[in-house]
Amino acid sequence: MDDKICRTFFALRNSFSNNLEVNGDYQFIMNQSTLNGYCTNNKCSSNLEKINAG
């Protein structure tokens, strides 16, 4: 189980860029359409929703 959790967090960590956008938001590397399937109304409208979806 620990190995599965580590792989999950590794994948999530790799979905974040080390850079911020001009407005201070994270640049998500993961495909937006993939994330949207896990958000309310199939649209991630905030960073928190993107993190929860990931």
C-alpha atoms as a PDB file:
ATOM      1  CA  MET A   1       0.000   0.000   0.000  1.00  0.00           C
ATOM      2  CA  ASP A   2       2.817   2.440   0.788  1.00  0.00           C
ATOM      3  CA  ASP A   3       4.230   1.988  -2.703  1.00  0.00           C
ATOM      4  CA  LYS A   4       0.854   2.814  -4.276  1.00  0.00           C
ATOM      5  CA  ILE A   5       0.489   5.954  -2.144  1.00  0.00           C
ATOM      6  CA  CYS A   6       4.017   7.089  -3.005  1.00  0.00           C
ATOM      7  CA  ARG A   7       3.369   6.619  -6.738  1.00  0.00           C
ATOM      8  CA  THR A   8       0.132   8.605  -6.438  1.00  0.00           C
ATOM      9  CA  PHE A   9       1.810  11.523  -4.670  1.00  0.00           C
ATOM     10  CA  PHE A  10       4.748  11.386  -7.091  1.00  0.00           C
ATOM     11  CA  ALA A  11       2.345  11.696 -10.036  1.00  0.00           C
ATOM     12  CA  LEU A  12       0.476  14.535  -8.341  1.00  0.00           C
ATOM     13  CA  ARG A  13       3.690  16.352  -7.497  1.00  0.00           C
ATOM     14  CA  ASN A  14       4.836  16.073 -11.099  1.00  0.00           C
ATOM     15  CA  SER A  15       1.577  17.700 -12.221  1.00  0.00           C
ATOM     16  CA  PHE A  16       2.698  20.991 -10.680  1.00  0.00           C
ATOM     17  CA  SER A  17       5.162  23.294 -12.328  1.00  0.00           C
ATOM     18  CA  ASN A  18       7.838  25.075 -10.332  1.00  0.00           C
ATOM     19  CA  ASN A  19       6.623  28.302 -11.935  1.00  0.00           C
ATOM     20  CA  LEU A  20       3.621  30.471 -11.265  1.00  0.00           C
ATOM     21  CA  GLU A  21       1.510  32.247 -13.846  1.00  0.00           C
ATOM     22  CA  VAL A  22       1.519  36.059 -13.934  1.00  0.00           C
ATOM     23  CA  ASN A  23      -1.542  36.150 -11.645  1.00  0.00           C
ATOM     24  CA  GLY A  24       0.172  33.909  -9.056  1.00  0.00           C
ATOM     25  CA  ASP A  25      -1.668  30.685  -9.921  1.00  0.00           C
ATOM     26  CA  TYR A  26       0.126  27.376 -10.426  1.00  0.00           C
ATOM     27  CA  GLN A  27       0.655  26.191 -13.971  1.00  0.00           C
ATOM     28  CA  PHE A  28      -0.895  22.721 -14.022  1.00  0.00           C
ATOM     29  CA  ILE A  29       0.922  20.384 -16.372  1.00  0.00           C
ATOM     30  CA  MET A  30      -1.801  17.726 -16.338  1.00  0.00           C
ATOM     31  CA  ASN A  31      -4.225  17.862 -19.246  1.00  0.00           C
ATOM     32  CA  GLN A  32      -7.120  20.161 -18.287  1.00  0.00           C
ATOM     33  CA  SER A  33      -9.727  17.948 -19.963  1.00  0.00           C
ATOM     34  CA  THR A  34      -8.552  14.991 -17.860  1.00  0.00           C
ATOM     35  CA  LEU A  35      -8.972  16.988 -14.655  1.00  0.00           C
ATOM     36  CA  ASN A  36     -12.360  18.399 -15.652  1.00  0.00           C
ATOM     37  CA  GLY A  37     -13.941  14.946 -15.547  1.00  0.00           C
ATOM     38  CA  TYR A  38     -13.422  14.873 -11.785  1.00  0.00           C
ATOM     39  CA  CYS A  39     -14.761  18.364 -11.021  1.00  0.00           C
ATOM     40  CA  THR A  40     -18.241  19.727 -10.408  1.00  0.00           C
ATOM     41  CA  ASN A  41     -20.133  20.226 -13.684  1.00  0.00           C
ATOM     42  CA  ASN A  42     -17.072  18.801 -15.500  1.00  0.00           C
ATOM     43  CA  LYS A  43     -15.174  22.080 -15.114  1.00  0.00           C
ATOM     44  CA  CYS A  44     -12.383  22.803 -12.638  1.00  0.00           C
ATOM     45  CA  SER A  45     -12.773  26.476 -11.858  1.00  0.00           C
ATOM     46  CA  SER A  46     -10.262  26.806  -9.023  1.00  0.00           C
ATOM     47  CA  ASN A  47      -6.851  25.488  -8.039  1.00  0.00           C
ATOM     48  CA  LEU A  48      -8.449  23.624  -5.127  1.00  0.00           C
ATOM     49  CA  GLU A  49     -10.760  21.764  -7.496  1.00  0.00           C
ATOM     50  CA  LYS A  50      -7.773  20.894  -9.711  1.00  0.00           C
ATOM     51  CA  ILE A  51      -5.836  19.574  -6.718  1.00  0.00           C
ATOM     52  CA  ASN A  52      -8.813  17.538  -5.504  1.00  0.00           C
ATOM     53  CA  ALA A  53      -9.341  16.136  -9.005  1.00  0.00           C
ATOM     54  CA  GLY A  54      -5.686  15.174  -9.380  1.00  0.00           C
END
